[in-house]
């Protein structure tokens, strides 16, 4: 679903399938959505951004807007679909819930470098955490890069666990020693990882 006025007509004109561009927590207290509109005092231009609305506080925040406030060089999506991107791992019926911990964790994709460590200039997978969740101590929440900092190709969000402690993404990089396939689904998990190979005696 294109969130601009007349967005459905734009999607039809481009012969794109309409896709759900919003998610809500199970209690309905948090709404996350994509929009190209000028929201939260930020002009996103023609690129969609990911926003989070919290009903209790009435607050609206852009999770994917560049922290510098400069004009974006790319946009963000809740998920990519194969109907719009042939390399995306999910088909037209694929669905990623995007929210965990009742909206205190949000996962999304961005072609914008939201952190200085993101140097590949490609699509990456990010996580936003609310204050008090994980290692985040900032009142406005914290953004973390989930996929590798310098990838060879675009990376895609594939899914996540209900508690948000496991995030699944597709990468063409070889990220573990035993992986001989160039395009794989990886699990980035809190307290996880793989032990380094032991040197032969």
N, C-alpha and C. Protein backbone atom coordinates (compact mmCIF):
# COMPACT_ATOMS: atom_id res chain seq x y z
N UNK A 1 0.85 -1.19 0.00
CA UNK A 1 0.00 0.00 0.00
C UNK A 1 0.88 1.23 0.00
N UNK A 2 0.72 2.09 -0.94
CA UNK A 2 1.48 3.32 -1.01
C UNK A 2 0.79 4.35 -0.11
N UNK A 3 1.51 4.89 0.93
CA UNK A 3 0.86 5.76 1.90
C UNK A 3 0.63 7.19 1.42
N UNK A 4 1.06 7.57 0.24
CA UNK A 4 0.79 8.92 -0.26
C UNK A 4 -0.67 9.05 -0.67
N UNK A 5 -1.20 10.29 -0.68
CA UNK A 5 -2.54 10.49 -1.22
C UNK A 5 -2.60 9.94 -2.64
N UNK A 6 -3.62 9.13 -2.91
CA UNK A 6 -3.73 8.52 -4.23
C UNK A 6 -2.71 7.43 -4.44
N UNK A 7 -2.16 6.90 -3.34
CA UNK A 7 -1.08 5.92 -3.44
C UNK A 7 -1.47 4.66 -4.15
N UNK A 8 -2.71 4.20 -3.97
CA UNK A 8 -3.16 2.99 -4.66
C UNK A 8 -3.12 3.20 -6.17
N UNK A 9 -3.52 4.41 -6.61
CA UNK A 9 -3.48 4.71 -8.04
C UNK A 9 -2.05 4.71 -8.56
N UNK A 10 -1.11 5.20 -7.72
CA UNK A 10 0.31 5.20 -8.10
C UNK A 10 0.80 3.76 -8.25
N UNK A 11 0.41 2.90 -7.30
CA UNK A 11 0.82 1.50 -7.36
C UNK A 11 0.28 0.82 -8.61
N UNK A 12 -0.99 1.11 -8.95
CA UNK A 12 -1.58 0.53 -10.14
C UNK A 12 -0.89 1.04 -11.40
N UNK A 13 -0.57 2.34 -11.39
CA UNK A 13 0.09 2.94 -12.54
C UNK A 13 1.45 2.29 -12.80
N UNK A 14 2.15 1.96 -11.70
CA UNK A 14 3.46 1.32 -11.81
C UNK A 14 3.36 -0.21 -11.90
N UNK A 15 2.12 -0.71 -11.88
CA UNK A 15 1.84 -2.15 -11.93
C UNK A 15 2.51 -2.89 -10.77
N UNK A 16 2.40 -2.29 -9.58
CA UNK A 16 2.92 -2.90 -8.36
C UNK A 16 1.75 -3.44 -7.54
N UNK A 17 2.01 -4.52 -6.83
CA UNK A 17 1.00 -5.06 -5.93
C UNK A 17 0.94 -4.19 -4.68
N UNK A 18 -0.28 -3.99 -4.14
CA UNK A 18 -0.42 -3.26 -2.89
C UNK A 18 0.11 -4.12 -1.75
N UNK A 19 0.86 -3.53 -0.84
CA UNK A 19 1.41 -4.26 0.29
C UNK A 19 1.08 -3.53 1.58
N UNK A 20 0.95 -4.28 2.67
CA UNK A 20 0.63 -3.68 3.96
C UNK A 20 1.80 -2.85 4.44
N UNK A 21 1.59 -1.57 4.67
CA UNK A 21 2.67 -0.68 5.06
C UNK A 21 2.55 -0.24 6.51
N UNK A 22 1.85 -1.02 7.33
CA UNK A 22 1.75 -0.69 8.75
C UNK A 22 1.66 -1.97 9.58
N UNK A 23 2.04 -1.86 10.83
CA UNK A 23 1.97 -2.96 11.80
C UNK A 23 1.51 -2.37 13.13
N UNK A 24 0.89 -3.21 13.94
CA UNK A 24 0.48 -2.77 15.27
C UNK A 24 0.84 -3.83 16.29
N UNK A 25 1.11 -3.39 17.52
CA UNK A 25 1.38 -4.33 18.60
C UNK A 25 0.10 -5.07 18.95
N UNK A 26 0.22 -6.18 19.66
CA UNK A 26 -0.95 -7.01 19.95
C UNK A 26 -1.98 -6.29 20.82
N UNK A 27 -1.52 -5.34 21.65
CA UNK A 27 -2.47 -4.60 22.48
C UNK A 27 -2.98 -3.32 21.80
N UNK A 28 -2.49 -3.06 20.59
CA UNK A 28 -2.94 -1.88 19.85
C UNK A 28 -2.33 -0.58 20.32
N UNK A 29 -1.37 -0.64 21.24
CA UNK A 29 -0.80 0.58 21.80
C UNK A 29 0.28 1.23 20.96
N UNK A 30 0.85 0.46 20.03
CA UNK A 30 1.93 0.98 19.19
C UNK A 30 1.61 0.69 17.72
N UNK A 31 1.76 1.68 16.88
CA UNK A 31 1.58 1.55 15.44
C UNK A 31 2.88 1.92 14.76
N UNK A 32 3.35 1.06 13.86
CA UNK A 32 4.53 1.35 13.05
C UNK A 32 4.09 1.35 11.60
N UNK A 33 4.54 2.35 10.84
CA UNK A 33 4.07 2.46 9.46
C UNK A 33 5.10 3.16 8.59
N UNK A 34 4.97 2.96 7.28
CA UNK A 34 5.78 3.66 6.28
C UNK A 34 5.01 4.87 5.77
N UNK A 35 5.73 5.94 5.48
CA UNK A 35 5.08 7.09 4.87
C UNK A 35 6.10 7.96 4.16
N UNK A 36 5.64 8.59 3.06
CA UNK A 36 6.43 9.60 2.37
C UNK A 36 6.02 11.01 2.79
N UNK A 37 5.02 11.11 3.63
CA UNK A 37 4.51 12.42 4.05
C UNK A 37 5.50 13.12 4.97
N UNK A 38 5.37 14.43 5.08
CA UNK A 38 6.21 15.24 5.95
C UNK A 38 5.67 15.13 7.38
N UNK A 39 6.19 14.17 8.12
CA UNK A 39 5.72 13.89 9.48
C UNK A 39 6.84 14.14 10.48
N UNK A 40 6.46 14.44 11.70
CA UNK A 40 7.42 14.61 12.79
C UNK A 40 8.48 15.65 12.46
N UNK A 41 8.12 16.65 11.63
CA UNK A 41 9.04 17.73 11.31
C UNK A 41 10.18 17.34 10.40
N UNK A 42 9.98 16.28 9.61
CA UNK A 42 11.05 15.84 8.71
C UNK A 42 10.52 15.66 7.31
N UNK A 43 11.20 16.27 6.34
CA UNK A 43 10.81 16.17 4.93
C UNK A 43 11.54 14.98 4.32
N UNK A 44 10.82 13.90 4.08
CA UNK A 44 11.43 12.68 3.55
C UNK A 44 11.51 12.66 2.04
N UNK A 45 11.00 13.71 1.39
CA UNK A 45 11.04 13.75 -0.07
C UNK A 45 10.21 12.63 -0.67
N UNK A 46 10.76 11.97 -1.66
CA UNK A 46 10.04 10.88 -2.34
C UNK A 46 10.33 9.52 -1.72
N UNK A 47 11.18 9.49 -0.71
CA UNK A 47 11.56 8.20 -0.11
C UNK A 47 10.72 7.91 1.12
N UNK A 48 10.16 6.71 1.23
CA UNK A 48 9.38 6.38 2.42
C UNK A 48 10.29 6.23 3.64
N UNK A 49 9.76 6.55 4.80
CA UNK A 49 10.47 6.36 6.05
C UNK A 49 9.57 5.56 7.00
N UNK A 50 10.16 5.01 8.05
CA UNK A 50 9.42 4.20 9.02
C UNK A 50 9.17 5.03 10.28
N UNK A 51 7.90 5.13 10.66
CA UNK A 51 7.49 5.91 11.82
C UNK A 51 6.86 5.01 12.88
N UNK A 52 6.95 5.47 14.13
CA UNK A 52 6.36 4.74 15.26
C UNK A 52 5.47 5.70 16.06
N UNK A 53 4.21 5.30 16.23
CA UNK A 53 3.27 6.08 17.03
C UNK A 53 2.91 5.31 18.28
N UNK A 54 2.98 5.99 19.42
CA UNK A 54 2.65 5.36 20.70
C UNK A 54 1.40 6.02 21.27
N UNK A 55 0.36 5.23 21.49
CA UNK A 55 -0.93 5.78 21.90
C UNK A 55 -0.89 6.39 23.29
N UNK A 56 -0.23 5.75 24.24
CA UNK A 56 -0.23 6.24 25.63
C UNK A 56 0.34 7.64 25.74
N UNK A 57 1.45 7.90 25.06
CA UNK A 57 2.10 9.21 25.14
C UNK A 57 1.69 10.14 24.01
N UNK A 58 1.06 9.59 22.97
CA UNK A 58 0.69 10.38 21.81
C UNK A 58 1.89 10.82 20.99
N UNK A 59 3.01 10.13 21.17
CA UNK A 59 4.25 10.54 20.49
C UNK A 59 4.38 9.87 19.13
N UNK A 60 4.96 10.61 18.20
CA UNK A 60 5.25 10.11 16.85
C UNK A 60 6.72 10.34 16.57
N UNK A 61 7.43 9.30 16.18
CA UNK A 61 8.86 9.43 15.93
C UNK A 61 9.24 8.73 14.64
N UNK A 62 10.19 9.32 13.92
CA UNK A 62 10.72 8.69 12.71
C UNK A 62 11.90 7.82 13.12
N UNK A 63 11.79 6.53 12.92
CA UNK A 63 12.84 5.60 13.32
C UNK A 63 13.96 5.52 12.29
N UNK A 64 13.65 5.82 11.04
CA UNK A 64 14.62 5.63 9.96
C UNK A 64 15.17 6.94 9.39
N UNK A 65 14.75 8.08 9.94
CA UNK A 65 15.26 9.36 9.44
C UNK A 65 16.71 9.54 9.87
N UNK A 66 17.55 10.10 9.02
CA UNK A 66 18.96 10.31 9.37
C UNK A 66 19.07 11.14 10.65
N UNK A 67 19.90 10.72 11.60
CA UNK A 67 20.01 11.44 12.88
C UNK A 67 20.55 12.85 12.72
N UNK A 68 21.22 13.13 11.61
CA UNK A 68 21.76 14.47 11.37
C UNK A 68 20.68 15.46 10.93
N UNK A 69 19.50 14.94 10.53
CA UNK A 69 18.43 15.80 10.06
C UNK A 69 18.59 16.23 8.62
N UNK A 70 19.64 15.76 7.95
CA UNK A 70 19.86 16.11 6.56
C UNK A 70 18.89 15.36 5.65
N UNK A 71 18.74 15.86 4.42
CA UNK A 71 17.84 15.22 3.46
C UNK A 71 18.30 13.79 3.21
N UNK A 72 17.37 12.86 3.12
CA UNK A 72 17.75 11.46 2.93
C UNK A 72 18.29 11.18 1.53
N UNK A 73 19.17 10.22 1.45
CA UNK A 73 19.65 9.75 0.15
C UNK A 73 19.01 8.42 -0.21
N UNK A 74 18.16 7.93 0.68
CA UNK A 74 17.47 6.66 0.45
C UNK A 74 16.30 6.55 1.39
N UNK A 75 15.56 5.46 1.28
CA UNK A 75 14.37 5.28 2.10
C UNK A 75 14.43 4.03 2.94
N UNK A 76 13.32 3.77 3.62
CA UNK A 76 13.22 2.61 4.51
C UNK A 76 11.91 1.89 4.27
N UNK A 77 11.92 0.59 4.52
CA UNK A 77 10.74 -0.25 4.35
C UNK A 77 10.60 -1.20 5.53
N UNK A 78 9.37 -1.60 5.80
CA UNK A 78 9.16 -2.63 6.80
C UNK A 78 9.64 -3.98 6.28
N UNK A 79 9.49 -4.21 4.98
CA UNK A 79 10.02 -5.42 4.36
C UNK A 79 10.02 -5.24 2.84
N UNK A 80 10.88 -6.00 2.19
CA UNK A 80 10.91 -6.02 0.72
C UNK A 80 10.19 -7.26 0.23
N UNK A 81 9.50 -7.11 -0.90
CA UNK A 81 8.79 -8.23 -1.49
C UNK A 81 9.31 -8.51 -2.89
N UNK A 82 9.29 -9.78 -3.27
CA UNK A 82 9.79 -10.19 -4.58
C UNK A 82 9.02 -9.60 -5.73
N UNK A 83 7.79 -9.16 -5.48
CA UNK A 83 7.01 -8.55 -6.55
C UNK A 83 7.56 -7.18 -6.94
N UNK A 84 8.35 -6.57 -6.05
CA UNK A 84 8.92 -5.24 -6.31
C UNK A 84 10.44 -5.27 -6.41
N UNK A 85 11.06 -6.32 -5.90
CA UNK A 85 12.52 -6.47 -5.90
C UNK A 85 12.81 -7.95 -6.12
N UNK A 86 13.36 -8.28 -7.26
CA UNK A 86 13.53 -9.69 -7.62
C UNK A 86 14.49 -10.41 -6.69
N UNK A 87 15.34 -9.69 -5.96
CA UNK A 87 16.28 -10.33 -5.05
C UNK A 87 15.70 -10.52 -3.65
N UNK A 88 14.55 -9.93 -3.38
CA UNK A 88 13.94 -10.06 -2.05
C UNK A 88 13.55 -11.51 -1.79
N UNK A 89 13.75 -12.01 -0.57
CA UNK A 89 13.50 -13.42 -0.28
C UNK A 89 12.04 -13.79 -0.09
N UNK A 90 11.16 -12.80 0.14
CA UNK A 90 9.76 -13.08 0.40
C UNK A 90 8.90 -12.74 -0.80
N UNK A 91 7.90 -13.58 -1.07
CA UNK A 91 6.99 -13.35 -2.18
C UNK A 91 5.87 -12.42 -1.78
N UNK A 92 4.90 -12.23 -2.68
CA UNK A 92 3.80 -11.29 -2.43
C UNK A 92 3.01 -11.59 -1.17
N UNK A 93 2.97 -12.86 -0.75
CA UNK A 93 2.21 -13.20 0.45
C UNK A 93 3.09 -13.24 1.70
N UNK A 94 4.37 -12.93 1.56
CA UNK A 94 5.27 -12.94 2.71
C UNK A 94 4.93 -11.81 3.68
N UNK A 95 5.13 -12.08 4.97
CA UNK A 95 4.78 -11.07 5.98
C UNK A 95 5.76 -11.15 7.14
N UNK A 96 6.36 -9.99 7.48
CA UNK A 96 7.21 -9.87 8.66
C UNK A 96 6.48 -9.00 9.67
N UNK A 97 6.28 -9.45 10.92
CA UNK A 97 5.52 -8.66 11.89
C UNK A 97 6.20 -7.35 12.30
N UNK A 98 7.53 -7.30 12.26
CA UNK A 98 8.34 -6.08 12.50
C UNK A 98 8.39 -5.59 13.93
N UNK A 99 7.40 -5.90 14.76
CA UNK A 99 7.40 -5.44 16.14
C UNK A 99 7.59 -6.60 17.10
N UNK A 100 8.31 -6.33 18.19
CA UNK A 100 8.48 -7.30 19.27
C UNK A 100 8.40 -6.54 20.59
N UNK A 101 8.22 -7.29 21.66
CA UNK A 101 8.13 -6.69 23.01
C UNK A 101 7.08 -5.57 23.03
N UNK A 102 5.92 -5.86 22.45
CA UNK A 102 4.79 -4.91 22.40
C UNK A 102 5.20 -3.56 21.81
N UNK A 103 6.03 -3.62 20.78
CA UNK A 103 6.40 -2.40 20.07
C UNK A 103 7.63 -1.72 20.63
N UNK A 104 8.28 -2.31 21.63
CA UNK A 104 9.50 -1.73 22.19
C UNK A 104 10.72 -2.06 21.33
N UNK A 105 10.56 -2.99 20.40
CA UNK A 105 11.58 -3.31 19.41
C UNK A 105 10.92 -3.26 18.04
N UNK A 106 11.60 -2.63 17.07
CA UNK A 106 11.09 -2.53 15.70
C UNK A 106 12.22 -2.88 14.75
N UNK A 107 11.92 -3.67 13.74
CA UNK A 107 12.91 -4.09 12.74
C UNK A 107 12.49 -3.58 11.37
N UNK A 108 13.47 -3.11 10.58
CA UNK A 108 13.15 -2.57 9.27
C UNK A 108 14.40 -2.58 8.39
N UNK A 109 14.21 -2.28 7.11
CA UNK A 109 15.31 -2.17 6.15
C UNK A 109 15.51 -0.71 5.78
N UNK A 110 16.75 -0.34 5.50
CA UNK A 110 17.02 1.03 5.06
C UNK A 110 18.18 1.04 4.08
N UNK A 111 18.05 1.85 3.04
CA UNK A 111 19.16 2.08 2.12
C UNK A 111 19.98 3.29 2.55
N UNK A 112 19.54 3.95 3.61
CA UNK A 112 20.24 5.09 4.18
C UNK A 112 21.18 4.59 5.28
N UNK A 113 22.38 5.14 5.36
CA UNK A 113 23.30 4.81 6.45
C UNK A 113 22.86 5.57 7.70
N UNK A 114 22.26 4.88 8.65
CA UNK A 114 21.75 5.52 9.86
C UNK A 114 22.81 5.57 10.96
N UNK A 115 23.89 4.84 10.76
CA UNK A 115 25.03 4.85 11.68
C UNK A 115 26.30 5.03 10.87
N UNK A 116 27.29 5.65 11.47
CA UNK A 116 28.55 5.90 10.75
C UNK A 116 29.27 4.61 10.40
N UNK A 117 28.96 3.53 11.11
CA UNK A 117 29.61 2.24 10.83
C UNK A 117 29.05 1.55 9.59
N UNK A 118 27.89 2.01 9.12
CA UNK A 118 27.27 1.43 7.92
C UNK A 118 27.91 2.10 6.70
N UNK A 119 28.85 1.40 6.08
CA UNK A 119 29.66 2.02 5.03
C UNK A 119 29.45 1.43 3.64
N UNK A 120 28.52 0.48 3.48
CA UNK A 120 28.42 -0.18 2.18
C UNK A 120 27.54 0.54 1.17
N UNK A 121 26.75 1.51 1.62
CA UNK A 121 25.87 2.24 0.70
C UNK A 121 24.78 1.39 0.10
N UNK A 122 24.42 0.29 0.78
CA UNK A 122 23.42 -0.65 0.27
C UNK A 122 22.27 -0.80 1.26
N UNK A 123 21.29 -1.63 0.90
CA UNK A 123 20.18 -1.93 1.79
C UNK A 123 20.68 -2.76 2.98
N UNK A 124 20.32 -2.34 4.18
CA UNK A 124 20.72 -3.05 5.40
C UNK A 124 19.53 -3.25 6.32
N UNK A 125 19.71 -4.13 7.29
CA UNK A 125 18.67 -4.43 8.27
C UNK A 125 19.01 -3.73 9.58
N UNK A 126 18.05 -2.99 10.12
CA UNK A 126 18.23 -2.24 11.35
C UNK A 126 17.21 -2.65 12.41
N UNK A 127 17.56 -2.36 13.66
CA UNK A 127 16.65 -2.54 14.79
C UNK A 127 16.57 -1.23 15.57
N UNK A 128 15.36 -0.86 15.97
CA UNK A 128 15.17 0.24 16.91
C UNK A 128 14.72 -0.34 18.24
N UNK A 129 15.32 0.13 19.34
CA UNK A 129 14.93 -0.29 20.68
C UNK A 129 14.51 0.92 21.50
N UNK A 130 13.48 0.75 22.31
CA UNK A 130 13.05 1.81 23.22
C UNK A 130 14.00 1.89 24.41
N UNK A 131 13.99 3.04 25.08
CA UNK A 131 14.81 3.21 26.28
C UNK A 131 14.48 2.12 27.31
N UNK A 132 15.52 1.53 27.88
CA UNK A 132 15.33 0.47 28.87
C UNK A 132 15.26 -0.92 28.28
N UNK A 133 15.25 -1.02 26.96
CA UNK A 133 15.24 -2.32 26.29
C UNK A 133 16.67 -2.62 25.81
N UNK A 134 17.15 -3.82 26.10
CA UNK A 134 18.51 -4.17 25.71
C UNK A 134 19.51 -3.22 26.34
N UNK A 135 20.38 -2.67 25.51
CA UNK A 135 21.42 -1.76 26.00
C UNK A 135 21.04 -0.29 25.85
N UNK A 136 19.82 0.01 25.44
CA UNK A 136 19.44 1.39 25.13
C UNK A 136 19.13 2.20 26.39
N UNK A 137 19.80 3.35 26.51
CA UNK A 137 19.56 4.25 27.63
C UNK A 137 19.08 5.63 27.17
N UNK A 138 18.88 5.82 25.88
CA UNK A 138 18.49 7.12 25.34
C UNK A 138 16.97 7.29 25.36
N UNK A 139 16.46 8.44 25.81
CA UNK A 139 15.01 8.64 25.86
C UNK A 139 14.32 8.47 24.51
N UNK A 140 15.00 8.84 23.41
CA UNK A 140 14.40 8.73 22.08
C UNK A 140 14.57 7.34 21.47
N UNK A 141 15.20 6.43 22.21
CA UNK A 141 15.43 5.10 21.68
C UNK A 141 16.76 5.01 20.96
N UNK A 142 17.13 3.80 20.56
CA UNK A 142 18.43 3.55 19.94
C UNK A 142 18.26 2.73 18.66
N UNK A 143 19.07 3.05 17.67
CA UNK A 143 19.08 2.31 16.40
C UNK A 143 20.34 1.47 16.33
N UNK A 144 20.19 0.21 15.97
CA UNK A 144 21.32 -0.72 15.85
C UNK A 144 21.34 -1.32 14.46
N UNK A 145 22.53 -1.50 13.92
CA UNK A 145 22.70 -2.18 12.63
C UNK A 145 22.77 -3.68 12.89
N UNK A 146 21.87 -4.43 12.26
CA UNK A 146 21.82 -5.89 12.44
C UNK A 146 22.68 -6.59 11.40
N UNK A 147 22.59 -6.20 10.15
CA UNK A 147 23.37 -6.86 9.09
C UNK A 147 24.80 -6.30 9.09
N UNK A 148 25.73 -6.95 8.36
CA UNK A 148 27.13 -6.52 8.35
C UNK A 148 27.32 -5.08 7.88
N UNK A 149 28.38 -4.45 8.38
CA UNK A 149 28.63 -3.04 8.10
C UNK A 149 29.05 -2.77 6.66
N UNK A 150 29.76 -3.72 6.06
CA UNK A 150 30.28 -3.51 4.70
C UNK A 150 29.98 -4.74 3.86
N UNK A 151 28.77 -4.80 3.33
CA UNK A 151 28.32 -5.97 2.57
C UNK A 151 28.61 -5.80 1.08
N UNK A 152 28.59 -6.90 0.37
CA UNK A 152 28.81 -6.86 -1.08
C UNK A 152 27.53 -6.54 -1.82
N UNK A 153 26.38 -6.97 -1.25
CA UNK A 153 25.10 -6.78 -1.91
C UNK A 153 24.04 -6.39 -0.88
N UNK A 154 22.86 -6.02 -1.37
CA UNK A 154 21.76 -5.67 -0.47
C UNK A 154 21.45 -6.83 0.47
N UNK A 155 21.01 -6.47 1.68
CA UNK A 155 20.57 -7.47 2.65
C UNK A 155 19.12 -7.22 3.02
N UNK A 156 18.41 -8.28 3.39
CA UNK A 156 16.96 -8.20 3.56
C UNK A 156 16.51 -8.80 4.88
N UNK A 157 15.51 -8.15 5.48
CA UNK A 157 14.88 -8.68 6.67
C UNK A 157 14.02 -9.88 6.28
N UNK A 158 14.18 -10.99 7.01
CA UNK A 158 13.43 -12.21 6.70
C UNK A 158 12.41 -12.54 7.79
N UNK A 159 12.70 -12.16 9.03
CA UNK A 159 11.78 -12.45 10.12
C UNK A 159 12.45 -12.23 11.46
N UNK A 160 11.73 -12.50 12.54
CA UNK A 160 12.30 -12.38 13.88
C UNK A 160 11.47 -13.19 14.86
N UNK A 161 12.04 -13.49 16.02
CA UNK A 161 11.32 -14.22 17.04
C UNK A 161 10.33 -13.29 17.74
N UNK A 162 9.40 -13.89 18.50
CA UNK A 162 8.36 -13.09 19.16
C UNK A 162 8.94 -12.10 20.16
N UNK A 163 10.04 -12.48 20.84
CA UNK A 163 10.65 -11.57 21.81
C UNK A 163 11.66 -10.62 21.19
N UNK A 164 11.95 -10.79 19.90
CA UNK A 164 12.88 -9.91 19.21
C UNK A 164 14.34 -10.20 19.48
N UNK A 165 14.64 -11.28 20.16
CA UNK A 165 16.03 -11.58 20.48
C UNK A 165 16.72 -12.37 19.37
N UNK A 166 15.97 -12.83 18.39
CA UNK A 166 16.52 -13.46 17.18
C UNK A 166 15.99 -12.70 15.98
N UNK A 167 16.89 -12.23 15.13
CA UNK A 167 16.50 -11.52 13.92
C UNK A 167 17.09 -12.27 12.73
N UNK A 168 16.25 -12.62 11.77
CA UNK A 168 16.68 -13.41 10.61
C UNK A 168 16.80 -12.49 9.40
N UNK A 169 17.93 -12.55 8.72
CA UNK A 169 18.14 -11.72 7.54
C UNK A 169 18.88 -12.51 6.48
N UNK A 170 18.72 -12.06 5.24
CA UNK A 170 19.35 -12.72 4.09
C UNK A 170 20.56 -11.91 3.67
N UNK A 171 21.70 -12.60 3.52
CA UNK A 171 22.94 -11.93 3.13
C UNK A 171 23.68 -12.78 2.11
N UNK A 172 24.36 -12.11 1.19
CA UNK A 172 25.21 -12.80 0.21
C UNK A 172 26.64 -12.95 0.71
N UNK A 173 26.95 -12.36 1.87
CA UNK A 173 28.28 -12.50 2.45
C UNK A 173 28.39 -13.83 3.19
N UNK A 174 29.59 -14.36 3.27
CA UNK A 174 29.85 -15.56 4.07
C UNK A 174 30.21 -15.07 5.46
N UNK A 175 29.30 -15.26 6.42
CA UNK A 175 29.45 -14.68 7.75
C UNK A 175 29.92 -15.66 8.80
N UNK A 176 29.86 -16.96 8.50
CA UNK A 176 30.40 -17.98 9.41
C UNK A 176 31.28 -18.92 8.60
N UNK A 177 32.27 -19.48 9.26
CA UNK A 177 33.30 -20.26 8.57
C UNK A 177 32.73 -21.46 7.82
N UNK A 178 31.68 -22.08 8.35
CA UNK A 178 31.16 -23.31 7.74
C UNK A 178 30.20 -23.05 6.58
N UNK A 179 29.88 -21.79 6.33
CA UNK A 179 28.92 -21.45 5.27
C UNK A 179 29.65 -21.38 3.93
N UNK A 180 29.29 -22.28 3.03
CA UNK A 180 29.89 -22.28 1.70
C UNK A 180 28.93 -21.75 0.64
N UNK A 181 27.75 -21.35 1.07
CA UNK A 181 26.75 -20.82 0.15
C UNK A 181 26.86 -19.29 0.19
N UNK A 182 26.74 -18.65 -0.95
CA UNK A 182 26.94 -17.20 -1.00
C UNK A 182 25.69 -16.41 -0.65
N UNK A 183 24.52 -17.04 -0.58
CA UNK A 183 23.29 -16.33 -0.21
C UNK A 183 22.56 -17.19 0.81
N UNK A 184 22.51 -16.73 2.04
CA UNK A 184 22.00 -17.54 3.14
C UNK A 184 21.13 -16.72 4.07
N UNK A 185 20.35 -17.42 4.88
CA UNK A 185 19.58 -16.80 5.95
C UNK A 185 20.39 -16.94 7.23
N UNK A 186 20.64 -15.81 7.88
CA UNK A 186 21.40 -15.79 9.13
C UNK A 186 20.52 -15.38 10.29
N UNK A 187 20.89 -15.81 11.48
CA UNK A 187 20.19 -15.46 12.71
C UNK A 187 21.12 -14.60 13.57
N UNK A 188 20.79 -13.32 13.71
CA UNK A 188 21.51 -12.45 14.63
C UNK A 188 20.76 -12.51 15.95
N UNK A 189 21.40 -13.04 16.99
CA UNK A 189 20.68 -13.25 18.24
C UNK A 189 21.45 -12.72 19.44
N UNK A 190 20.70 -12.24 20.41
CA UNK A 190 21.30 -11.72 21.63
C UNK A 190 21.98 -12.87 22.36
N UNK A 191 23.24 -12.69 22.71
CA UNK A 191 23.98 -13.73 23.41
C UNK A 191 24.34 -14.91 22.52
N UNK A 192 24.17 -14.75 21.20
CA UNK A 192 24.41 -15.85 20.28
C UNK A 192 25.78 -15.79 19.64
N UNK A 193 25.83 -16.33 18.44
CA UNK A 193 27.11 -16.36 17.72
C UNK A 193 27.66 -17.76 17.67
N UNK A 194 28.75 -17.92 16.95
CA UNK A 194 29.37 -19.21 16.79
C UNK A 194 30.82 -19.14 17.28
N UNK A 195 31.25 -20.18 17.92
CA UNK A 195 32.63 -20.23 18.41
C UNK A 195 33.59 -20.24 17.24
N UNK A 196 34.73 -19.56 17.39
CA UNK A 196 35.75 -19.55 16.34
C UNK A 196 36.38 -20.93 16.23
N UNK A 197 36.76 -21.37 14.99
CA UNK A 197 37.39 -22.67 14.83
C UNK A 197 38.66 -22.78 15.66
N UNK A 198 38.87 -23.94 16.27
CA UNK A 198 40.07 -24.17 17.07
C UNK A 198 41.25 -24.50 16.17
N UNK A 199 42.38 -23.93 16.49
CA UNK A 199 43.59 -24.22 15.71
C UNK A 199 44.03 -25.66 15.96
N UNK A 200 44.53 -26.29 14.91
CA UNK A 200 45.01 -27.68 15.05
C UNK A 200 46.27 -27.69 15.90
N UNK A 201 46.41 -28.74 16.71
CA UNK A 201 47.58 -28.86 17.59
C UNK A 201 48.80 -29.23 16.78
